[in-house]
Amino acid sequence: MHPYSLDTNEHRKIPLYLSALAIISAWGLSLVIKFFDLSSLWWIEIPSVIGFYEIYYSLFNEYLWKWNSLRRLGMVKVPMLFGTWKGTLSSSFNSDNKKEVEITIKQTWTDIQVCLLSDESSSCSITASISLKTAGGPILTYQYQNDPRPNTADTMHIHYGTTRLCILNNLLEGEYYSGRDRKNIGLISVKKI
């Protein structure tokens, strides 16, 4: 997986909230240790603010960002795209032929990987962004590297391209284009399964 960018300040605000929580937690634990006179036990180490922050950040990055309560409060706006999506791809190379494709998205709050699999090739994202402040709704844009399967036509070779997909609930729809020498464009439409 790789980091993705957002057009909101969510990735700046949440770490500040987690830092404040870590400071309060470290201070609270030190008070508990003093109250119960546990400071003489040399094997009890008070976790530092950084220790608490790492715990809270890891929990948030993997799990807490998915909580509906944080979404209702407006703290988290990142769409949850992780999972398997199936649908079709039509290409300018052969516009009469729609191909069945499967997209697998792995995602945390800070990282993402988008992989598309077809009968001829597979591609995985190398960079990505999610735009939430667009008039038509959220958009996932990513650049990918495509690797053809060994049994495909000689014209198929490793290439790079860009995909732009509109996020419509359980539907991703949009277009892609591939690198200089391929000069290929097409449409993608997939539903979450």
N, C-alpha and C. Protein backbone atom coordinates (compact mmCIF):
# COMPACT_ATOMS: atom_id res chain seq x y z
N MET A 1 0.84 -1.19 0.00
CA MET A 1 0.00 0.00 0.00
C MET A 1 0.88 1.24 0.00
N HIS A 2 0.30 2.34 -0.40
CA HIS A 2 1.01 3.62 -0.46
C HIS A 2 0.09 4.71 0.09
N PRO A 3 0.66 5.83 0.52
CA PRO A 3 -0.17 6.94 1.01
C PRO A 3 -1.04 7.51 -0.11
N TYR A 4 -2.14 8.13 0.28
CA TYR A 4 -2.97 8.85 -0.68
C TYR A 4 -3.24 10.24 -0.14
N SER A 5 -3.48 11.16 -1.06
CA SER A 5 -3.72 12.54 -0.62
C SER A 5 -5.22 12.81 -0.57
N LEU A 6 -5.58 13.78 0.25
CA LEU A 6 -6.96 14.22 0.41
C LEU A 6 -7.02 15.73 0.20
N ASP A 7 -8.17 16.22 -0.24
CA ASP A 7 -8.33 17.67 -0.37
C ASP A 7 -9.07 18.26 0.83
N THR A 8 -8.99 17.57 1.97
CA THR A 8 -9.55 18.09 3.22
C THR A 8 -8.41 18.19 4.24
N ASN A 9 -8.68 18.81 5.37
CA ASN A 9 -7.65 18.94 6.40
C ASN A 9 -7.74 17.82 7.44
N GLU A 10 -8.45 16.77 7.12
CA GLU A 10 -8.64 15.64 8.03
C GLU A 10 -7.32 15.02 8.48
N HIS A 11 -6.39 14.85 7.55
CA HIS A 11 -5.10 14.23 7.89
C HIS A 11 -4.21 15.16 8.71
N ARG A 12 -4.60 16.42 8.85
CA ARG A 12 -3.86 17.35 9.73
C ARG A 12 -4.53 17.46 11.10
N LYS A 13 -5.86 17.44 11.13
CA LYS A 13 -6.58 17.64 12.39
C LYS A 13 -6.55 16.42 13.31
N ILE A 14 -6.80 15.26 12.76
CA ILE A 14 -6.90 14.05 13.59
C ILE A 14 -5.62 13.81 14.39
N PRO A 15 -4.41 13.92 13.80
CA PRO A 15 -3.20 13.74 14.62
C PRO A 15 -3.12 14.72 15.80
N LEU A 16 -3.64 15.93 15.64
CA LEU A 16 -3.66 16.88 16.76
C LEU A 16 -4.57 16.38 17.88
N TYR A 17 -5.74 15.86 17.52
CA TYR A 17 -6.65 15.31 18.53
C TYR A 17 -6.01 14.12 19.23
N LEU A 18 -5.35 13.26 18.46
CA LEU A 18 -4.70 12.08 19.05
C LEU A 18 -3.54 12.49 19.95
N SER A 19 -2.83 13.57 19.59
CA SER A 19 -1.74 14.07 20.44
C SER A 19 -2.27 14.56 21.77
N ALA A 20 -3.36 15.31 21.74
CA ALA A 20 -3.97 15.80 22.98
C ALA A 20 -4.42 14.63 23.85
N LEU A 21 -5.02 13.62 23.25
CA LEU A 21 -5.45 12.44 23.99
C LEU A 21 -4.26 11.70 24.59
N ALA A 22 -3.15 11.63 23.85
CA ALA A 22 -1.94 10.97 24.35
C ALA A 22 -1.35 11.71 25.54
N ILE A 23 -1.34 13.03 25.49
CA ILE A 23 -0.82 13.84 26.60
C ILE A 23 -1.67 13.61 27.85
N ILE A 24 -2.98 13.66 27.68
CA ILE A 24 -3.89 13.44 28.82
C ILE A 24 -3.72 12.03 29.39
N SER A 25 -3.57 11.04 28.51
CA SER A 25 -3.42 9.65 28.96
C SER A 25 -2.13 9.45 29.75
N ALA A 26 -1.02 10.00 29.25
CA ALA A 26 0.26 9.86 29.95
C ALA A 26 0.20 10.56 31.31
N TRP A 27 -0.39 11.73 31.35
CA TRP A 27 -0.54 12.47 32.61
C TRP A 27 -1.44 11.70 33.58
N GLY A 28 -2.56 11.17 33.08
CA GLY A 28 -3.48 10.41 33.92
C GLY A 28 -2.83 9.16 34.49
N LEU A 29 -2.06 8.46 33.68
CA LEU A 29 -1.39 7.25 34.17
C LEU A 29 -0.36 7.59 35.24
N SER A 30 0.35 8.70 35.05
CA SER A 30 1.34 9.09 36.07
C SER A 30 0.65 9.40 37.40
N LEU A 31 -0.55 10.01 37.35
CA LEU A 31 -1.30 10.28 38.58
C LEU A 31 -1.74 8.98 39.26
N VAL A 32 -2.18 8.01 38.48
CA VAL A 32 -2.60 6.72 39.03
C VAL A 32 -1.42 6.02 39.70
N ILE A 33 -0.27 6.04 39.05
CA ILE A 33 0.92 5.38 39.61
C ILE A 33 1.34 6.05 40.91
N LYS A 34 1.27 7.38 40.96
CA LYS A 34 1.60 8.09 42.20
C LYS A 34 0.57 7.80 43.29
N PHE A 35 -0.70 7.79 42.93
CA PHE A 35 -1.77 7.56 43.90
C PHE A 35 -1.63 6.19 44.56
N PHE A 36 -1.32 5.17 43.79
CA PHE A 36 -1.17 3.82 44.33
C PHE A 36 0.26 3.51 44.75
N ASP A 37 1.10 4.52 44.74
CA ASP A 37 2.51 4.39 45.14
C ASP A 37 3.20 3.21 44.44
N LEU A 38 3.03 3.17 43.13
CA LEU A 38 3.64 2.11 42.33
C LEU A 38 4.98 2.53 41.74
N SER A 39 5.42 3.73 42.06
CA SER A 39 6.66 4.24 41.47
C SER A 39 7.88 3.47 41.96
N SER A 40 7.77 2.78 43.10
CA SER A 40 8.92 2.02 43.60
C SER A 40 9.12 0.71 42.84
N LEU A 41 8.12 0.31 42.07
CA LEU A 41 8.26 -0.91 41.26
C LEU A 41 9.02 -0.56 39.98
N TRP A 42 10.29 -0.92 39.96
CA TRP A 42 11.18 -0.50 38.87
C TRP A 42 10.75 -1.06 37.52
N TRP A 43 10.01 -2.15 37.50
CA TRP A 43 9.63 -2.77 36.23
C TRP A 43 8.37 -2.15 35.62
N ILE A 44 7.74 -1.23 36.35
CA ILE A 44 6.61 -0.50 35.77
C ILE A 44 7.14 0.79 35.17
N GLU A 45 7.06 0.88 33.89
CA GLU A 45 7.52 2.06 33.16
C GLU A 45 6.30 2.84 32.69
N ILE A 46 6.30 4.11 32.95
CA ILE A 46 5.19 4.93 32.47
C ILE A 46 5.39 5.16 30.97
N PRO A 47 4.40 4.75 30.15
CA PRO A 47 4.54 5.04 28.72
C PRO A 47 4.59 6.54 28.49
N SER A 48 5.43 6.92 27.59
CA SER A 48 5.55 8.35 27.28
C SER A 48 4.37 8.79 26.43
N VAL A 49 4.29 10.08 26.24
CA VAL A 49 3.26 10.64 25.37
C VAL A 49 3.38 10.01 23.98
N ILE A 50 4.61 9.83 23.53
CA ILE A 50 4.83 9.25 22.20
C ILE A 50 4.32 7.81 22.15
N GLY A 51 4.50 7.06 23.23
CA GLY A 51 3.99 5.69 23.28
C GLY A 51 2.48 5.64 23.16
N PHE A 52 1.80 6.51 23.92
CA PHE A 52 0.34 6.57 23.82
C PHE A 52 -0.09 7.02 22.43
N TYR A 53 0.61 8.02 21.89
CA TYR A 53 0.25 8.52 20.56
C TYR A 53 0.35 7.40 19.52
N GLU A 54 1.42 6.62 19.58
CA GLU A 54 1.60 5.54 18.62
C GLU A 54 0.47 4.52 18.72
N ILE A 55 0.08 4.20 19.94
CA ILE A 55 -1.03 3.26 20.14
C ILE A 55 -2.32 3.84 19.55
N TYR A 56 -2.64 5.08 19.90
CA TYR A 56 -3.88 5.70 19.42
C TYR A 56 -3.87 5.87 17.90
N TYR A 57 -2.73 6.30 17.35
CA TYR A 57 -2.65 6.51 15.90
C TYR A 57 -2.83 5.19 15.16
N SER A 58 -2.17 4.14 15.64
CA SER A 58 -2.29 2.82 14.99
C SER A 58 -3.73 2.32 15.04
N LEU A 59 -4.38 2.46 16.19
CA LEU A 59 -5.78 2.05 16.30
C LEU A 59 -6.67 2.86 15.37
N PHE A 60 -6.45 4.16 15.32
CA PHE A 60 -7.27 5.01 14.46
C PHE A 60 -7.05 4.66 12.99
N ASN A 61 -5.79 4.51 12.60
CA ASN A 61 -5.45 4.25 11.20
C ASN A 61 -6.04 2.94 10.70
N GLU A 62 -6.08 1.93 11.56
CA GLU A 62 -6.57 0.61 11.14
C GLU A 62 -8.08 0.43 11.34
N TYR A 63 -8.62 0.95 12.44
CA TYR A 63 -9.99 0.60 12.82
C TYR A 63 -10.93 1.78 13.05
N LEU A 64 -10.50 2.73 13.89
CA LEU A 64 -11.43 3.75 14.37
C LEU A 64 -11.96 4.67 13.27
N TRP A 65 -11.19 4.87 12.20
CA TRP A 65 -11.63 5.76 11.12
C TRP A 65 -12.89 5.22 10.43
N LYS A 66 -13.19 3.96 10.63
CA LYS A 66 -14.37 3.34 10.01
C LYS A 66 -15.64 3.54 10.83
N TRP A 67 -15.51 4.02 12.05
CA TRP A 67 -16.66 4.16 12.94
C TRP A 67 -17.65 5.19 12.40
N ASN A 68 -18.93 4.81 12.34
CA ASN A 68 -19.97 5.71 11.87
C ASN A 68 -20.14 6.92 12.78
N SER A 69 -19.90 6.75 14.08
CA SER A 69 -20.07 7.88 15.00
C SER A 69 -19.10 9.01 14.67
N LEU A 70 -17.86 8.68 14.29
CA LEU A 70 -16.90 9.71 13.91
C LEU A 70 -17.28 10.36 12.58
N ARG A 71 -17.93 9.61 11.72
CA ARG A 71 -18.40 10.16 10.44
C ARG A 71 -19.58 11.11 10.66
N ARG A 72 -20.48 10.72 11.56
CA ARG A 72 -21.63 11.59 11.86
C ARG A 72 -21.18 12.91 12.49
N LEU A 73 -20.10 12.86 13.28
CA LEU A 73 -19.56 14.08 13.88
C LEU A 73 -18.80 14.94 12.87
N GLY A 74 -18.55 14.40 11.68
CA GLY A 74 -17.82 15.13 10.65
C GLY A 74 -16.31 15.09 10.81
N MET A 75 -15.82 14.26 11.72
CA MET A 75 -14.38 14.17 11.92
C MET A 75 -13.69 13.39 10.80
N VAL A 76 -14.37 12.37 10.29
CA VAL A 76 -13.81 11.52 9.23
C VAL A 76 -14.72 11.61 8.02
N LYS A 77 -14.11 11.94 6.88
CA LYS A 77 -14.87 12.07 5.64
C LYS A 77 -14.37 11.13 4.54
N VAL A 78 -13.24 10.49 4.77
CA VAL A 78 -12.66 9.58 3.78
C VAL A 78 -13.65 8.46 3.47
N PRO A 79 -14.01 8.27 2.19
CA PRO A 79 -14.90 7.15 1.87
C PRO A 79 -14.23 5.80 2.12
N MET A 80 -15.01 4.85 2.57
CA MET A 80 -14.49 3.50 2.80
C MET A 80 -14.62 2.72 1.49
N LEU A 81 -13.52 2.58 0.79
CA LEU A 81 -13.52 1.94 -0.52
C LEU A 81 -12.99 0.52 -0.49
N PHE A 82 -12.43 0.09 0.63
CA PHE A 82 -11.80 -1.22 0.71
C PHE A 82 -12.81 -2.32 0.36
N GLY A 83 -12.29 -3.37 -0.26
CA GLY A 83 -13.14 -4.50 -0.62
C GLY A 83 -12.95 -4.89 -2.07
N THR A 84 -13.87 -5.71 -2.56
CA THR A 84 -13.81 -6.22 -3.93
C THR A 84 -14.93 -5.59 -4.74
N TRP A 85 -14.59 -5.17 -5.95
CA TRP A 85 -15.51 -4.52 -6.87
C TRP A 85 -15.47 -5.30 -8.18
N LYS A 86 -16.62 -5.55 -8.79
CA LYS A 86 -16.66 -6.26 -10.07
C LYS A 86 -17.48 -5.47 -11.07
N GLY A 87 -17.06 -5.56 -12.35
CA GLY A 87 -17.79 -4.87 -13.39
C GLY A 87 -17.11 -5.04 -14.73
N THR A 88 -17.20 -3.98 -15.54
CA THR A 88 -16.68 -4.06 -16.91
C THR A 88 -15.73 -2.91 -17.22
N LEU A 89 -14.91 -3.17 -18.22
CA LEU A 89 -13.98 -2.18 -18.77
C LEU A 89 -14.15 -2.22 -20.28
N SER A 90 -14.34 -1.07 -20.89
CA SER A 90 -14.35 -1.00 -22.36
C SER A 90 -13.19 -0.11 -22.78
N SER A 91 -12.51 -0.54 -23.84
CA SER A 91 -11.26 0.10 -24.25
C SER A 91 -11.37 0.65 -25.67
N SER A 92 -10.66 1.73 -25.94
CA SER A 92 -10.60 2.27 -27.30
C SER A 92 -9.85 1.32 -28.23
N PHE A 93 -9.06 0.41 -27.67
CA PHE A 93 -8.34 -0.57 -28.48
C PHE A 93 -9.32 -1.51 -29.19
N ASN A 94 -10.39 -1.87 -28.49
CA ASN A 94 -11.42 -2.72 -29.07
C ASN A 94 -12.74 -2.32 -28.42
N SER A 95 -13.37 -1.29 -28.97
CA SER A 95 -14.55 -0.69 -28.33
C SER A 95 -15.78 -1.61 -28.35
N ASP A 96 -15.78 -2.64 -29.20
CA ASP A 96 -16.92 -3.56 -29.25
C ASP A 96 -16.87 -4.61 -28.15
N ASN A 97 -15.75 -4.71 -27.49
CA ASN A 97 -15.53 -5.79 -26.54
C ASN A 97 -15.42 -5.25 -25.11
N LYS A 98 -16.43 -5.54 -24.29
CA LYS A 98 -16.35 -5.17 -22.87
C LYS A 98 -15.72 -6.33 -22.13
N LYS A 99 -14.75 -6.01 -21.27
CA LYS A 99 -14.05 -7.04 -20.50
C LYS A 99 -14.56 -7.03 -19.06
N GLU A 100 -14.68 -8.22 -18.52
CA GLU A 100 -14.99 -8.36 -17.10
C GLU A 100 -13.73 -8.04 -16.31
N VAL A 101 -13.87 -7.20 -15.29
CA VAL A 101 -12.73 -6.85 -14.44
C VAL A 101 -13.12 -6.97 -12.98
N GLU A 102 -12.10 -7.14 -12.16
CA GLU A 102 -12.28 -7.14 -10.71
C GLU A 102 -11.27 -6.18 -10.12
N ILE A 103 -11.74 -5.29 -9.28
CA ILE A 103 -10.87 -4.35 -8.59
C ILE A 103 -10.87 -4.70 -7.11
N THR A 104 -9.69 -4.84 -6.56
CA THR A 104 -9.54 -5.07 -5.12
C THR A 104 -8.88 -3.84 -4.52
N ILE A 105 -9.51 -3.27 -3.51
CA ILE A 105 -8.96 -2.08 -2.85
C ILE A 105 -8.63 -2.44 -1.41
N LYS A 106 -7.39 -2.24 -1.05
CA LYS A 106 -6.95 -2.33 0.34
C LYS A 106 -6.81 -0.90 0.83
N GLN A 107 -7.29 -0.62 2.03
CA GLN A 107 -7.30 0.77 2.49
C GLN A 107 -7.24 0.85 4.00
N THR A 108 -6.43 1.78 4.48
CA THR A 108 -6.49 2.24 5.86
C THR A 108 -6.82 3.72 5.79
N TRP A 109 -6.76 4.40 6.92
CA TRP A 109 -7.06 5.83 6.91
C TRP A 109 -6.01 6.62 6.13
N THR A 110 -4.78 6.13 6.09
CA THR A 110 -3.69 6.88 5.43
C THR A 110 -3.15 6.23 4.18
N ASP A 111 -3.40 4.94 3.96
CA ASP A 111 -2.82 4.23 2.83
C ASP A 111 -3.89 3.53 2.01
N ILE A 112 -3.54 3.28 0.75
CA ILE A 112 -4.47 2.62 -0.16
C ILE A 112 -3.69 1.86 -1.22
N GLN A 113 -4.29 0.84 -1.77
CA GLN A 113 -3.77 0.18 -2.96
C GLN A 113 -4.97 -0.30 -3.77
N VAL A 114 -4.98 0.07 -5.05
CA VAL A 114 -6.05 -0.30 -5.96
C VAL A 114 -5.46 -1.24 -7.00
N CYS A 115 -5.97 -2.46 -7.07
CA CYS A 115 -5.48 -3.44 -8.05
C CYS A 115 -6.63 -3.89 -8.93
N LEU A 116 -6.42 -3.83 -10.25
CA LEU A 116 -7.41 -4.25 -11.23
C LEU A 116 -6.91 -5.51 -11.90
N LEU A 117 -7.79 -6.49 -12.02
CA LEU A 117 -7.43 -7.77 -12.63
C LEU A 117 -8.38 -8.05 -13.78
N SER A 118 -7.81 -8.36 -14.95
CA SER A 118 -8.62 -8.78 -16.11
C SER A 118 -8.02 -10.08 -16.64
N ASP A 119 -8.61 -10.60 -17.71
CA ASP A 119 -8.09 -11.85 -18.26
C ASP A 119 -6.75 -11.65 -18.97
N GLU A 120 -6.40 -10.41 -19.33
CA GLU A 120 -5.15 -10.16 -20.05
C GLU A 120 -4.04 -9.57 -19.21
N SER A 121 -4.39 -8.86 -18.13
CA SER A 121 -3.35 -8.17 -17.37
C SER A 121 -3.84 -7.84 -15.96
N SER A 122 -2.90 -7.34 -15.18
CA SER A 122 -3.24 -6.82 -13.86
C SER A 122 -2.53 -5.48 -13.69
N SER A 123 -3.14 -4.61 -12.93
CA SER A 123 -2.51 -3.32 -12.67
C SER A 123 -2.71 -2.97 -11.21
N CYS A 124 -1.74 -2.27 -10.65
CA CYS A 124 -1.83 -1.81 -9.26
C CYS A 124 -1.43 -0.35 -9.19
N SER A 125 -2.10 0.36 -8.31
CA SER A 125 -1.82 1.79 -8.15
C SER A 125 -0.43 2.01 -7.57
N ILE A 126 0.17 3.14 -7.97
CA ILE A 126 1.45 3.55 -7.41
C ILE A 126 1.32 4.90 -6.69
N THR A 127 0.32 5.68 -7.03
CA THR A 127 -0.05 6.90 -6.30
C THR A 127 -1.57 7.04 -6.37
N ALA A 128 -2.14 7.79 -5.44
CA ALA A 128 -3.59 7.97 -5.45
C ALA A 128 -3.98 9.23 -4.70
N SER A 129 -5.17 9.73 -5.04
CA SER A 129 -5.76 10.83 -4.29
C SER A 129 -7.27 10.64 -4.27
N ILE A 130 -7.89 11.18 -3.23
CA ILE A 130 -9.34 11.19 -3.13
C ILE A 130 -9.76 12.64 -3.00
N SER A 131 -10.56 13.10 -3.96
CA SER A 131 -11.06 14.48 -3.96
C SER A 131 -12.50 14.46 -3.45
N LEU A 132 -12.74 15.16 -2.36
CA LEU A 132 -14.08 15.21 -1.78
C LEU A 132 -14.81 16.50 -2.11
N LYS A 133 -14.08 17.52 -2.51
CA LYS A 133 -14.68 18.84 -2.73
C LYS A 133 -14.99 19.09 -4.19
N THR A 134 -15.52 18.10 -4.88
CA THR A 134 -15.88 18.28 -6.29
C THR A 134 -17.39 18.39 -6.41
N ALA A 135 -17.85 19.11 -7.41
CA ALA A 135 -19.28 19.36 -7.58
C ALA A 135 -20.07 18.08 -7.80
N GLY A 136 -19.49 17.11 -8.48
CA GLY A 136 -20.21 15.88 -8.80
C GLY A 136 -20.08 14.79 -7.76
N GLY A 137 -19.42 15.04 -6.66
CA GLY A 137 -19.22 14.02 -5.64
C GLY A 137 -17.77 13.59 -5.57
N PRO A 138 -17.45 12.69 -4.65
CA PRO A 138 -16.06 12.27 -4.45
C PRO A 138 -15.48 11.57 -5.67
N ILE A 139 -14.16 11.73 -5.85
CA ILE A 139 -13.45 11.13 -6.99
C ILE A 139 -12.17 10.47 -6.49
N LEU A 140 -11.95 9.24 -6.94
CA LEU A 140 -10.71 8.52 -6.69
C LEU A 140 -9.88 8.59 -7.97
N THR A 141 -8.68 9.13 -7.86
CA THR A 141 -7.76 9.20 -8.99
C THR A 141 -6.49 8.47 -8.60
N TYR A 142 -6.01 7.61 -9.51
CA TYR A 142 -4.76 6.92 -9.21
C TYR A 142 -3.97 6.64 -10.47
N GLN A 143 -2.66 6.61 -10.31
CA GLN A 143 -1.76 6.20 -11.38
C GLN A 143 -1.40 4.75 -11.12
N TYR A 144 -1.25 4.00 -12.20
CA TYR A 144 -1.02 2.57 -12.05
C TYR A 144 0.10 2.08 -12.96
N GLN A 145 0.60 0.91 -12.61
CA GLN A 145 1.50 0.16 -13.50
C GLN A 145 0.74 -1.09 -13.91
N ASN A 146 0.68 -1.34 -15.22
CA ASN A 146 -0.02 -2.50 -15.75
C ASN A 146 0.98 -3.55 -16.19
N ASP A 147 0.76 -4.79 -15.76
CA ASP A 147 1.62 -5.91 -16.12
C ASP A 147 0.79 -6.95 -16.86
N PRO A 148 1.11 -7.20 -18.16
CA PRO A 148 0.34 -8.19 -18.91
C PRO A 148 0.66 -9.61 -18.47
N ARG A 149 -0.29 -10.50 -18.69
CA ARG A 149 -0.06 -11.92 -18.41
C ARG A 149 0.84 -12.49 -19.52
N PRO A 150 1.56 -13.54 -19.22
CA PRO A 150 2.50 -14.11 -20.20
C PRO A 150 1.86 -14.58 -21.50
N ASN A 151 0.59 -14.99 -21.47
CA ASN A 151 -0.05 -15.54 -22.67
C ASN A 151 -0.79 -14.51 -23.51
N THR A 152 -0.57 -13.22 -23.29
CA THR A 152 -1.28 -12.19 -24.04
C THR A 152 -0.56 -11.84 -25.33
N ALA A 153 -1.20 -11.02 -26.14
CA ALA A 153 -0.65 -10.62 -27.45
C ALA A 153 0.69 -9.92 -27.28
N ASP A 154 1.51 -9.98 -28.33
CA ASP A 154 2.83 -9.35 -28.31
C ASP A 154 2.76 -7.84 -28.14
N THR A 155 1.63 -7.25 -28.50
CA THR A 155 1.50 -5.80 -28.37
C THR A 155 1.34 -5.36 -26.92
N MET A 156 1.00 -6.30 -26.06
CA MET A 156 0.85 -5.98 -24.64
C MET A 156 2.22 -5.98 -23.96
N HIS A 157 2.50 -4.93 -23.22
CA HIS A 157 3.73 -4.84 -22.45
C HIS A 157 3.49 -3.96 -21.22
N ILE A 158 4.43 -3.96 -20.31
CA ILE A 158 4.29 -3.14 -19.10
C ILE A 158 4.11 -1.68 -19.51
N HIS A 159 3.12 -1.04 -18.91
CA HIS A 159 2.90 0.37 -19.19
C HIS A 159 2.27 1.05 -17.97
N TYR A 160 2.22 2.36 -18.02
CA TYR A 160 1.67 3.17 -16.93
C TYR A 160 0.45 3.91 -17.43
N GLY A 161 -0.42 4.27 -16.52
CA GLY A 161 -1.61 5.01 -16.89
C GLY A 161 -2.25 5.67 -15.69
N THR A 162 -3.37 6.31 -15.94
CA THR A 162 -4.11 7.02 -14.89
C THR A 162 -5.58 6.65 -14.98
N THR A 163 -6.21 6.48 -13.83
CA THR A 163 -7.64 6.18 -13.75
C THR A 163 -8.30 7.22 -12.86
N ARG A 164 -9.50 7.65 -13.27
CA ARG A 164 -10.28 8.62 -12.51
C ARG A 164 -11.69 8.06 -12.36
N LEU A 165 -12.08 7.75 -11.13
CA LEU A 165 -13.36 7.10 -10.87
C LEU A 165 -14.23 7.94 -9.94
N CYS A 166 -15.47 8.17 -10.35
CA CYS A 166 -16.45 8.83 -9.48
C CYS A 166 -16.96 7.81 -8.47
N ILE A 167 -17.06 8.23 -7.23
CA ILE A 167 -17.52 7.36 -6.15
C ILE A 167 -19.00 7.63 -5.91
N LEU A 168 -19.83 6.66 -6.27
CA LEU A 168 -21.28 6.80 -6.14
C LEU A 168 -21.81 5.65 -5.28
N ASN A 169 -21.75 5.80 -3.97
CA ASN A 169 -22.14 4.75 -3.01
C ASN A 169 -21.38 3.46 -3.30
N ASN A 170 -22.05 2.42 -3.79
CA ASN A 170 -21.38 1.15 -4.07
C ASN A 170 -21.03 0.99 -5.54
N LEU A 171 -20.81 2.10 -6.21
CA LEU A 171 -20.48 2.08 -7.64
C LEU A 171 -19.29 3.00 -7.89
N LEU A 172 -18.32 2.52 -8.65
CA LEU A 172 -17.20 3.34 -9.11
C LEU A 172 -17.29 3.40 -10.63
N GLU A 173 -17.36 4.61 -11.19
CA GLU A 173 -17.46 4.77 -12.64
C GLU A 173 -16.53 5.88 -13.09
N GLY A 174 -15.88 5.64 -14.22
CA GLY A 174 -15.01 6.68 -14.74
C GLY A 174 -14.22 6.19 -15.93
N GLU A 175 -13.09 6.86 -16.15
CA GLU A 175 -12.29 6.56 -17.32
C GLU A 175 -10.83 6.37 -16.95
N TYR A 176 -10.11 5.78 -17.89
CA TYR A 176 -8.67 5.59 -17.72
C TYR A 176 -8.00 5.93 -19.04
N TYR A 177 -6.73 6.23 -18.95
CA TYR A 177 -5.91 6.33 -20.16
C TYR A 177 -4.55 5.76 -19.82
N SER A 178 -3.91 5.22 -20.85
CA SER A 178 -2.63 4.57 -20.61
C SER A 178 -1.50 5.36 -21.25
N GLY A 179 -0.28 4.92 -21.00
CA GLY A 179 0.95 5.63 -21.34
C GLY A 179 1.12 6.03 -22.80
N ARG A 180 2.20 6.74 -23.05
CA ARG A 180 2.52 7.33 -24.35
C ARG A 180 2.34 6.39 -25.54
N ASP A 181 3.03 5.25 -25.48
CA ASP A 181 3.03 4.38 -26.64
C ASP A 181 1.74 3.58 -26.78
N ARG A 182 0.99 3.39 -25.71
CA ARG A 182 -0.25 2.62 -25.78
C ARG A 182 -1.38 3.47 -26.36
N LYS A 183 -1.44 4.72 -25.98
CA LYS A 183 -2.48 5.65 -26.46
C LYS A 183 -3.87 5.01 -26.40
N ASN A 184 -4.18 4.50 -25.25
CA ASN A 184 -5.41 3.78 -25.05
C ASN A 184 -6.26 4.50 -24.02
N ILE A 185 -7.55 4.62 -24.27
CA ILE A 185 -8.47 5.19 -23.29
C ILE A 185 -9.63 4.22 -23.12
N GLY A 186 -10.38 4.39 -22.05
CA GLY A 186 -11.51 3.50 -21.85
C GLY A 186 -12.35 3.88 -20.66
N LEU A 187 -13.42 3.12 -20.48
CA LEU A 187 -14.37 3.35 -19.40
C LEU A 187 -14.37 2.17 -18.45
N ILE A 188 -14.54 2.46 -17.17
CA ILE A 188 -14.61 1.44 -16.14
C ILE A 188 -15.89 1.67 -15.33
N SER A 189 -16.60 0.59 -15.07
CA SER A 189 -17.78 0.64 -14.20
C SER A 189 -17.78 -0.62 -13.35
N VAL A 190 -17.67 -0.45 -12.04
CA VAL A 190 -17.63 -1.60 -11.13
C VAL A 190 -18.54 -1.36 -9.93
N LYS A 191 -19.11 -2.45 -9.41
CA LYS A 191 -19.95 -2.41 -8.22
C LYS A 191 -19.28 -3.18 -7.11
N LYS A 192 -19.47 -2.71 -5.89
CA LYS A 192 -18.90 -3.40 -4.73
C LYS A 192 -19.70 -4.68 -4.47
N ILE A 193 -18.97 -5.76 -4.22
CA ILE A 193 -19.67 -7.02 -3.95
C ILE A 193 -19.50 -7.42 -2.49
